[in-house]
Amino acid sequence: MPERPPGVDVSVAQLAFDASPLFDSFRFRLEAGRWTCLLGPSGVGKTTLVRLIAGILEGASVTADDGRPLSGRIAWMAQGDLLLPWLSVLENVLLGHRLRGQRRSRPELAARARELLVRVGLGERLDALPHTLSGGMRQRVALVRTLMEERPVVLMDEPFSALDAVTRFRLQELAARLLARHTVLLVTHSPLEALRLGHRLWVMTGRPVRLREVRPPPAQPPRDVTDPALLRIEGELLRELAAGQEVAGWAPGAR
């Protein structure tokens, strides 16, 4: 990646939904060239924060610490795959370059896209249409499309959620390698995933939102999932998140 990734500072003075304050005097930072992972219960505001940083929602001050505008330097992978149903797998991956007018030659871009699709196990589905793919396959296509953007700042909202455990494990490693030295925000419901991939890890709770930092094990990502220290922290986080759901009114057997 030729461009040095910036750190990103986010500030929200106040943002409310349905007259309920979601963010109030909120500050958040994505460290330059690092993975920041964000955990929290459903509905707490994680996706809203991603959309604020991406500029899809208004209401936040989002600045890069290199003084340059962030416009055109962010790749965003949403929870939904957002594949166009009339385009093939390969054409969906190349869509961003096609819309912008590619700088590199078409064969060079297509070769890179094919390489990545092979690495995620879709090398034989290049010409397939989205409706013929499973949910996990569609999510892999969306991941490759994000990687093809080669942007210094990458926002990923539950990018591995539809994958089986083994595929998820492998794609975590692939993403960690290919997005090393990028500034990455990963939103996930999986404490194990956050602990495996994050340089910094935050738990989001409450209304208005509060953040608590959790220190991951000292090894560099992607970490060994059998590390006892990692598994201990995972257990603590699961208990904390479960307790938060009970406070919010959810409990096993609740309707």
C-alpha atoms as a PDB file:
ATOM      1  CA  MET A   1       0.000   0.000   0.000  1.00  0.00           C
ATOM      2  CA  PRO A   2       1.781   3.169  -1.194  1.00  0.00           C
ATOM      3  CA  GLU A   3      -0.090   5.652   1.032  1.00  0.00           C
ATOM      4  CA  ARG A   4       0.752   5.844   4.711  1.00  0.00           C
ATOM      5  CA  PRO A   5      -2.434   5.165   6.689  1.00  0.00           C
ATOM      6  CA  PRO A   6      -3.634   7.974   8.940  1.00  0.00           C
ATOM      7  CA  GLY A   7      -5.028   7.845  12.427  1.00  0.00           C
ATOM      8  CA  VAL A   8      -8.669   8.877  12.581  1.00  0.00           C
ATOM      9  CA  ASP A   9     -10.287  10.948  15.326  1.00  0.00           C
ATOM     10  CA  VAL A  10     -14.050  10.863  15.827  1.00  0.00           C
ATOM     11  CA  SER A  11     -16.043  13.321  17.919  1.00  0.00           C
ATOM     12  CA  VAL A  12     -19.817  13.418  18.391  1.00  0.00           C
ATOM     13  CA  ALA A  13     -21.160  16.295  20.468  1.00  0.00           C
ATOM     14  CA  GLN A  14     -24.636  14.789  20.688  1.00  0.00           C
ATOM     15  CA  LEU A  15     -26.730  12.400  18.622  1.00  0.00           C
ATOM     16  CA  ALA A  16     -30.143  11.029  19.571  1.00  0.00           C
ATOM     17  CA  PHE A  17     -32.661   8.616  18.067  1.00  0.00           C
ATOM     18  CA  ASP A  18     -36.326   8.692  19.058  1.00  0.00           C
ATOM     19  CA  ALA A  19     -35.486  11.369  21.637  1.00  0.00           C
ATOM     20  CA  SER A  20     -33.060   8.970  23.345  1.00  0.00           C
ATOM     21  CA  PRO A  21     -29.410  10.135  23.453  1.00  0.00           C
ATOM     22  CA  LEU A  22     -27.119   7.686  21.671  1.00  0.00           C
ATOM     23  CA  PHE A  23     -23.865   9.671  21.722  1.00  0.00           C
ATOM     24  CA  ASP A  24     -23.100  12.528  24.101  1.00  0.00           C
ATOM     25  CA  SER A  25     -19.654  14.175  24.228  1.00  0.00           C
ATOM     26  CA  PHE A  26     -18.310  11.037  22.555  1.00  0.00           C
ATOM     27  CA  ARG A  27     -14.712  10.683  21.411  1.00  0.00           C
ATOM     28  CA  PHE A  28     -13.052   7.747  19.665  1.00  0.00           C
ATOM     29  CA  ARG A  29      -9.778   7.158  17.874  1.00  0.00           C
ATOM     30  CA  LEU A  30      -8.577   4.688  15.280  1.00  0.00           C
ATOM     31  CA  GLU A  31      -4.819   4.262  15.611  1.00  0.00           C
ATOM     32  CA  ALA A  32      -2.825   4.633  12.417  1.00  0.00           C
ATOM     33  CA  GLY A  33      -1.876   1.328  10.805  1.00  0.00           C
ATOM     34  CA  ARG A  34      -3.624  -0.723  13.514  1.00  0.00           C
ATOM     35  CA  TRP A  35      -6.739  -2.834  13.907  1.00  0.00           C
ATOM     36  CA  THR A  36      -9.258  -1.377  16.352  1.00  0.00           C
ATOM     37  CA  CYS A  37     -11.997  -3.847  17.319  1.00  0.00           C
ATOM     38  CA  LEU A  38     -15.378  -2.843  18.716  1.00  0.00           C
ATOM     39  CA  LEU A  39     -17.629  -5.171  20.730  1.00  0.00           C
ATOM     40  CA  GLY A  40     -21.057  -4.556  22.164  1.00  0.00           C
ATOM     41  CA  PRO A  41     -24.639  -5.817  22.274  1.00  0.00           C
ATOM     42  CA  SER A  42     -26.969  -5.442  19.299  1.00  0.00           C
ATOM     43  CA  GLY A  43     -28.529  -2.001  19.053  1.00  0.00           C
ATOM     44  CA  VAL A  44     -25.924  -0.228  21.161  1.00  0.00           C
ATOM     45  CA  GLY A  45     -24.725   1.953  18.266  1.00  0.00           C
ATOM     46  CA  LYS A  46     -21.793   0.126  16.656  1.00  0.00           C
ATOM     47  CA  THR A  47     -23.127   0.271  13.110  1.00  0.00           C
ATOM     48  CA  THR A  48     -24.185   3.890  13.601  1.00  0.00           C
ATOM     49  CA  LEU A  49     -20.612   4.729  14.576  1.00  0.00           C
ATOM     50  CA  VAL A  50     -19.271   2.997  11.456  1.00  0.00           C
ATOM     51  CA  ARG A  51     -21.692   4.953   9.269  1.00  0.00           C
ATOM     52  CA  LEU A  52     -20.717   8.216  10.941  1.00  0.00           C
ATOM     53  CA  ILE A  53     -17.035   7.543  10.238  1.00  0.00           C
ATOM     54  CA  ALA A  54     -17.797   6.532   6.651  1.00  0.00           C
ATOM     55  CA  GLY A  55     -19.723   9.767   6.127  1.00  0.00           C
ATOM     56  CA  ILE A  56     -22.985   7.947   5.377  1.00  0.00           C
ATOM     57  CA  LEU A  57     -24.626   9.592   8.409  1.00  0.00           C
ATOM     58  CA  GLU A  58     -24.145  13.184   9.503  1.00  0.00           C
ATOM     59  CA  GLY A  59     -23.518  14.316  13.048  1.00  0.00           C
ATOM     60  CA  ALA A  60     -19.853  13.550  13.714  1.00  0.00           C
ATOM     61  CA  SER A  61     -16.551  15.315  13.275  1.00  0.00           C
ATOM     62  CA  VAL A  62     -14.197  12.804  11.616  1.00  0.00           C
ATOM     63  CA  THR A  63     -10.644  13.920  10.889  1.00  0.00           C
ATOM     64  CA  ALA A  64      -7.403  12.299   9.785  1.00  0.00           C
ATOM     65  CA  ASP A  65      -4.300  13.124  11.800  1.00  0.00           C
ATOM     66  CA  ASP A  66      -2.269  13.777   8.634  1.00  0.00           C
ATOM     67  CA  GLY A  67      -4.403  16.845   7.944  1.00  0.00           C
ATOM     68  CA  ARG A  68      -5.788  15.521   4.666  1.00  0.00           C
ATOM     69  CA  PRO A  69      -9.467  14.904   3.855  1.00  0.00           C
ATOM     70  CA  LEU A  70     -10.682  11.346   4.346  1.00  0.00           C
ATOM     71  CA  SER A  71     -12.876  11.466   1.251  1.00  0.00           C
ATOM     72  CA  GLY A  72     -11.749   8.765  -1.162  1.00  0.00           C
ATOM     73  CA  ARG A  73      -9.520   7.076   1.428  1.00  0.00           C
ATOM     74  CA  ILE A  74     -12.082   4.845   3.169  1.00  0.00           C
ATOM     75  CA  ALA A  75     -13.273   1.375   2.170  1.00  0.00           C
ATOM     76  CA  TRP A  76     -16.491   0.263   3.878  1.00  0.00           C
ATOM     77  CA  MET A  77     -17.784  -3.294   4.190  1.00  0.00           C
ATOM     78  CA  ALA A  78     -21.367  -3.211   5.443  1.00  0.00           C
ATOM     79  CA  GLN A  79     -23.232  -5.966   7.285  1.00  0.00           C
ATOM     80  CA  GLY A  80     -25.141  -6.773   4.097  1.00  0.00           C
ATOM     81  CA  ASP A  81     -23.102  -7.880   1.096  1.00  0.00           C
ATOM     82  CA  LEU A  82     -24.691  -5.244  -1.231  1.00  0.00           C
ATOM     83  CA  LEU A  83     -23.935  -7.346  -4.325  1.00  0.00           C
ATOM     84  CA  LEU A  84     -25.650  -6.277  -7.527  1.00  0.00           C
ATOM     85  CA  PRO A  85     -27.792  -9.248  -8.612  1.00  0.00           C
ATOM     86  CA  TRP A  86     -27.212  -8.810 -12.354  1.00  0.00           C
ATOM     87  CA  LEU A  87     -23.394  -8.800 -12.111  1.00  0.00           C
ATOM     88  CA  SER A  88     -21.181 -11.860 -11.812  1.00  0.00           C
ATOM     89  CA  VAL A  89     -18.922 -12.486  -8.836  1.00  0.00           C
ATOM     90  CA  LEU A  90     -15.933 -11.063 -10.712  1.00  0.00           C
ATOM     91  CA  GLU A  91     -17.824  -8.008 -11.950  1.00  0.00           C
ATOM     92  CA  ASN A  92     -19.149  -7.286  -8.450  1.00  0.00           C
ATOM     93  CA  VAL A  93     -15.593  -7.335  -7.114  1.00  0.00           C
ATOM     94  CA  LEU A  94     -14.462  -4.919  -9.843  1.00  0.00           C
ATOM     95  CA  LEU A  95     -17.489  -2.619  -9.559  1.00  0.00           C
ATOM     96  CA  GLY A  96     -15.780   0.177  -7.646  1.00  0.00           C
ATOM     97  CA  HIS A  97     -12.962   0.439 -10.179  1.00  0.00           C
ATOM     98  CA  ARG A  98     -15.453   0.331 -13.030  1.00  0.00           C
ATOM     99  CA  LEU A  99     -17.548   3.164 -11.589  1.00  0.00           C
ATOM    100  CA  ARG A 100     -14.549   5.370 -10.888  1.00  0.00           C
ATOM    101  CA  GLY A 101     -12.615   4.584 -14.049  1.00  0.00           C
ATOM    102  CA  GLN A 102      -9.710   2.283 -13.291  1.00  0.00           C
ATOM    103  CA  ARG A 103      -6.182   3.641 -13.192  1.00  0.00           C
ATOM    104  CA  ARG A 104      -4.582   0.320 -13.926  1.00  0.00           C
ATOM    105  CA  SER A 105      -5.307  -1.775 -16.985  1.00  0.00           C
ATOM    106  CA  ARG A 106      -8.401  -3.959 -16.958  1.00  0.00           C
ATOM    107  CA  PRO A 107      -6.367  -7.216 -17.242  1.00  0.00           C
ATOM    108  CA  GLU A 108      -4.225  -6.247 -14.234  1.00  0.00           C
ATOM    109  CA  LEU A 109      -7.270  -5.507 -12.079  1.00  0.00           C
ATOM    110  CA  ALA A 110      -9.054  -8.676 -13.191  1.00  0.00           C
ATOM    111  CA  ALA A 111      -5.977 -10.768 -12.424  1.00  0.00           C
ATOM    112  CA  ARG A 112      -5.788  -9.328  -8.894  1.00  0.00           C
ATOM    113  CA  ALA A 113      -9.501  -9.950  -8.356  1.00  0.00           C
ATOM    114  CA  ARG A 114      -9.200 -13.556  -9.557  1.00  0.00           C
ATOM    115  CA  GLU A 115      -6.227 -14.127  -7.250  1.00  0.00           C
ATOM    116  CA  LEU A 116      -8.162 -12.916  -4.210  1.00  0.00           C
ATOM    117  CA  LEU A 117     -11.264 -14.888  -5.143  1.00  0.00           C
ATOM    118  CA  VAL A 118      -9.154 -18.043  -5.389  1.00  0.00           C
ATOM    119  CA  ARG A 119      -7.704 -17.319  -1.947  1.00  0.00           C
ATOM    120  CA  VAL A 120     -11.191 -17.130  -0.424  1.00  0.00           C
ATOM    121  CA  GLY A 121     -12.288 -20.343  -2.130  1.00  0.00           C
ATOM    122  CA  LEU A 122     -14.341 -18.853  -4.964  1.00  0.00           C
ATOM    123  CA  GLY A 123     -11.999 -19.427  -7.855  1.00  0.00           C
ATOM    124  CA  GLU A 124     -14.535 -21.639  -9.605  1.00  0.00           C
ATOM    125  CA  ARG A 125     -17.448 -19.208  -9.143  1.00  0.00           C
ATOM    126  CA  LEU A 126     -16.101 -16.162 -10.996  1.00  0.00           C
ATOM    127  CA  ASP A 127     -19.008 -16.072 -13.453  1.00  0.00           C
ATOM    128  CA  ALA A 128     -21.714 -17.019 -10.943  1.00  0.00           C
ATOM    129  CA  LEU A 129     -24.551 -14.615 -10.161  1.00  0.00           C
ATOM    130  CA  PRO A 130     -25.203 -13.687  -6.525  1.00  0.00           C
ATOM    131  CA  HIS A 131     -28.499 -15.579  -6.280  1.00  0.00           C
ATOM    132  CA  THR A 132     -26.646 -18.853  -6.865  1.00  0.00           C
ATOM    133  CA  LEU A 133     -24.328 -18.284  -3.880  1.00  0.00           C
ATOM    134  CA  SER A 134     -24.778 -19.111  -0.218  1.00  0.00           C
ATOM    135  CA  GLY A 135     -24.788 -16.315   2.347  1.00  0.00           C
ATOM    136  CA  GLY A 136     -21.211 -17.143   3.321  1.00  0.00           C
ATOM    137  CA  MET A 137     -20.068 -17.065  -0.304  1.00  0.00           C
ATOM    138  CA  ARG A 138     -21.704 -13.697  -0.838  1.00  0.00           C
ATOM    139  CA  GLN A 139     -19.924 -12.363   2.231  1.00  0.00           C
ATOM    140  CA  ARG A 140     -16.607 -13.595   0.842  1.00  0.00           C
ATOM    141  CA  VAL A 141     -17.272 -11.722  -2.396  1.00  0.00           C
ATOM    142  CA  ALA A 142     -17.985  -8.563  -0.388  1.00  0.00           C
ATOM    143  CA  LEU A 143     -14.722  -9.024   1.519  1.00  0.00           C
ATOM    144  CA  VAL A 144     -12.726  -9.365  -1.703  1.00  0.00           C
ATOM    145  CA  ARG A 145     -14.432  -6.262  -3.109  1.00  0.00           C
ATOM    146  CA  THR A 146     -13.331  -4.368   0.015  1.00  0.00           C
ATOM    147  CA  LEU A 147      -9.759  -5.656  -0.273  1.00  0.00           C
ATOM    148  CA  MET A 148      -9.655  -4.644  -3.938  1.00  0.00           C
ATOM    149  CA  GLU A 149     -10.245  -1.029  -2.979  1.00  0.00           C
ATOM    150  CA  GLU A 150      -6.757  -0.821  -1.408  1.00  0.00           C
ATOM    151  CA  ARG A 151      -7.746   2.140   0.772  1.00  0.00           C
ATOM    152  CA  PRO A 152      -5.650   3.176   3.796  1.00  0.00           C
ATOM    153  CA  VAL A 153      -8.709   3.223   6.107  1.00  0.00           C
ATOM    154  CA  VAL A 154     -10.985   0.160   6.181  1.00  0.00           C
ATOM    155  CA  LEU A 155     -14.286  -0.095   8.075  1.00  0.00           C
ATOM    156  CA  MET A 156     -15.717  -3.609   8.425  1.00  0.00           C
ATOM    157  CA  ASP A 157     -19.078  -4.267  10.067  1.00  0.00           C
ATOM    158  CA  GLU A 158     -19.410  -7.969  10.979  1.00  0.00           C
ATOM    159  CA  PRO A 159     -17.412  -9.083   7.904  1.00  0.00           C
ATOM    160  CA  PHE A 160     -17.162 -12.756   8.914  1.00  0.00           C
ATOM    161  CA  SER A 161     -20.530 -13.296  10.598  1.00  0.00           C
ATOM    162  CA  ALA A 162     -22.114 -15.510   7.907  1.00  0.00           C
ATOM    163  CA  LEU A 163     -19.141 -17.863   7.611  1.00  0.00           C
ATOM    164  CA  ASP A 164     -18.650 -21.306   9.080  1.00  0.00           C
ATOM    165  CA  ALA A 165     -16.041 -21.569  11.826  1.00  0.00           C
ATOM    166  CA  VAL A 166     -13.183 -22.909   9.678  1.00  0.00           C
ATOM    167  CA  THR A 167     -13.724 -20.439   6.827  1.00  0.00           C
ATOM    168  CA  ARG A 168     -14.011 -17.632   9.353  1.00  0.00           C
ATOM    169  CA  PHE A 169     -10.699 -18.667  10.928  1.00  0.00           C
ATOM    170  CA  ARG A 170      -8.927 -18.728   7.556  1.00  0.00           C
ATOM    171  CA  LEU A 171     -10.343 -15.432   6.328  1.00  0.00           C
ATOM    172  CA  GLN A 172      -9.388 -13.722   9.570  1.00  0.00           C
ATOM    173  CA  GLU A 173      -5.784 -14.677   8.845  1.00  0.00           C
ATOM    174  CA  LEU A 174      -6.051 -13.535   5.218  1.00  0.00           C
ATOM    175  CA  ALA A 175      -7.555 -10.178   6.170  1.00  0.00           C
ATOM    176  CA  ALA A 176      -4.973  -9.682   8.927  1.00  0.00           C
ATOM    177  CA  ARG A 177      -2.154 -10.206   6.412  1.00  0.00           C
ATOM    178  CA  LEU A 178      -3.613  -8.150   3.567  1.00  0.00           C
ATOM    179  CA  LEU A 179      -4.709  -5.276   5.803  1.00  0.00           C
ATOM    180  CA  ALA A 180      -1.557  -5.103   7.895  1.00  0.00           C
ATOM    181  CA  ARG A 181      -0.433  -1.470   8.148  1.00  0.00           C
ATOM    182  CA  HIS A 182      -3.929  -0.237   7.254  1.00  0.00           C
ATOM    183  CA  THR A 183      -6.089   1.667   9.730  1.00  0.00           C
ATOM    184  CA  VAL A 184      -8.922  -0.800  10.367  1.00  0.00           C
ATOM    185  CA  LEU A 185     -12.118  -0.666  12.410  1.00  0.00           C
ATOM    186  CA  LEU A 186     -13.662  -4.115  12.908  1.00  0.00           C
ATOM    187  CA  VAL A 187     -17.133  -4.352  14.455  1.00  0.00           C
ATOM    188  CA  THR A 188     -17.888  -7.837  15.732  1.00  0.00           C
ATOM    189  CA  HIS A 189     -20.067  -9.709  18.214  1.00  0.00           C
ATOM    190  CA  SER A 190     -17.311 -12.284  18.753  1.00  0.00           C
ATOM    191  CA  PRO A 191     -14.918 -11.641  21.647  1.00  0.00           C
ATOM    192  CA  LEU A 192     -12.618 -14.353  20.264  1.00  0.00           C
ATOM    193  CA  GLU A 193     -12.447 -12.621  16.886  1.00  0.00           C
ATOM    194  CA  ALA A 194     -11.749  -9.242  18.458  1.00  0.00           C
ATOM    195  CA  LEU A 195      -9.033 -10.671  20.701  1.00  0.00           C
ATOM    196  CA  ARG A 196      -7.451 -12.540  17.813  1.00  0.00           C
ATOM    197  CA  LEU A 197      -7.310  -9.591  15.405  1.00  0.00           C
ATOM    198  CA  GLY A 198      -7.273  -6.364  17.411  1.00  0.00           C
ATOM    199  CA  HIS A 199      -4.341  -4.208  18.435  1.00  0.00           C
ATOM    200  CA  ARG A 200      -6.874  -2.238  20.482  1.00  0.00           C
ATOM    201  CA  LEU A 201     -10.225  -3.507  21.689  1.00  0.00           C
ATOM    202  CA  TRP A 202     -13.167  -1.501  23.017  1.00  0.00           C
ATOM    203  CA  VAL A 203     -16.478  -2.593  24.539  1.00  0.00           C
ATOM    204  CA  MET A 204     -19.416  -0.287  23.790  1.00  0.00           C
ATOM    205  CA  THR A 205     -22.306  -0.193  26.275  1.00  0.00           C
ATOM    206  CA  GLY A 206     -25.143   1.970  27.531  1.00  0.00           C
ATOM    207  CA  ARG A 207     -27.121   5.009  26.461  1.00  0.00           C
ATOM    208  CA  PRO A 208     -25.539   7.377  25.936  1.00  0.00           C
ATOM    209  CA  VAL A 209     -22.694   5.185  24.732  1.00  0.00           C
ATOM    210  CA  ARG A 210     -19.738   4.477  26.972  1.00  0.00           C
ATOM    211  CA  LEU A 211     -16.486   2.832  25.949  1.00  0.00           C
ATOM    212  CA  ARG A 212     -14.227   0.584  27.992  1.00  0.00           C
ATOM    213  CA  GLU A 213     -10.860  -0.560  26.683  1.00  0.00           C
ATOM    214  CA  VAL A 214      -9.821  -4.196  27.050  1.00  0.00           C
ATOM    215  CA  ARG A 215      -6.153  -5.091  26.732  1.00  0.00           C
ATOM    216  CA  PRO A 216      -5.606  -8.074  24.421  1.00  0.00           C
ATOM    217  CA  PRO A 217      -2.721 -10.518  24.966  1.00  0.00           C
ATOM    218  CA  PRO A 218       0.683  -9.070  24.009  1.00  0.00           C
ATOM    219  CA  ALA A 219       1.284 -11.315  20.968  1.00  0.00           C
ATOM    220  CA  GLN A 220       0.853  -9.692  17.562  1.00  0.00           C
ATOM    221  CA  PRO A 221      -2.339 -10.420  15.560  1.00  0.00           C
ATOM    222  CA  PRO A 222      -3.537 -12.775  14.299  1.00  0.00           C
ATOM    223  CA  ARG A 223      -3.137 -14.401  17.705  1.00  0.00           C
ATOM    224  CA  ASP A 224      -3.172 -18.083  18.596  1.00  0.00           C
ATOM    225  CA  VAL A 225      -6.751 -19.016  19.529  1.00  0.00           C
ATOM    226  CA  THR A 226      -5.460 -21.657  21.958  1.00  0.00           C
ATOM    227  CA  ASP A 227      -3.537 -19.073  24.025  1.00  0.00           C
ATOM    228  CA  PRO A 228      -4.801 -19.498  27.627  1.00  0.00           C
ATOM    229  CA  ALA A 229      -4.608 -15.741  28.248  1.00  0.00           C
ATOM    230  CA  LEU A 230      -6.746 -15.066  25.186  1.00  0.00           C
ATOM    231  CA  LEU A 231      -9.310 -17.675  26.216  1.00  0.00           C
ATOM    232  CA  ARG A 232      -9.481 -16.287  29.752  1.00  0.00           C
ATOM    233  CA  ILE A 233     -10.212 -12.765  28.509  1.00  0.00           C
ATOM    234  CA  GLU A 234     -12.761 -14.179  26.042  1.00  0.00           C
ATOM    235  CA  GLY A 235     -14.630 -15.797  28.922  1.00  0.00           C
ATOM    236  CA  GLU A 236     -14.626 -12.564  30.902  1.00  0.00           C
ATOM    237  CA  LEU A 237     -15.951 -10.616  27.934  1.00  0.00           C
ATOM    238  CA  LEU A 238     -18.701 -13.149  27.268  1.00  0.00           C
ATOM    239  CA  ARG A 239     -19.846 -12.849  30.880  1.00  0.00           C
ATOM    240  CA  GLU A 240     -19.804  -9.063  30.652  1.00  0.00           C
ATOM    241  CA  LEU A 241     -21.768  -8.988  27.394  1.00  0.00           C
ATOM    242  CA  ALA A 242     -24.282 -11.512  28.711  1.00  0.00           C
ATOM    243  CA  ALA A 243     -24.777  -9.434  31.865  1.00  0.00           C
ATOM    244  CA  GLY A 244     -25.348  -6.381  29.674  1.00  0.00           C
ATOM    245  CA  GLN A 245     -28.090  -8.173  27.775  1.00  0.00           C
ATOM    246  CA  GLU A 246     -29.815  -9.141  31.006  1.00  0.00           C
ATOM    247  CA  VAL A 247     -29.741  -5.530  32.174  1.00  0.00           C
ATOM    248  CA  ALA A 248     -31.300  -4.547  28.830  1.00  0.00           C
ATOM    249  CA  GLY A 249     -34.157  -6.965  29.441  1.00  0.00           C
ATOM    250  CA  TRP A 250     -33.067 -10.073  27.539  1.00  0.00           C
ATOM    251  CA  ALA A 251     -32.726 -13.424  29.244  1.00  0.00           C
ATOM    252  CA  PRO A 252     -32.784 -17.061  28.073  1.00  0.00           C
ATOM    253  CA  GLY A 253     -36.371 -18.032  27.313  1.00  0.00           C
ATOM    254  CA  ALA A 254     -37.510 -14.418  27.052  1.00  0.00           C
ATOM    255  CA  ARG A 255     -39.960 -13.638  24.251  1.00  0.00           C
END
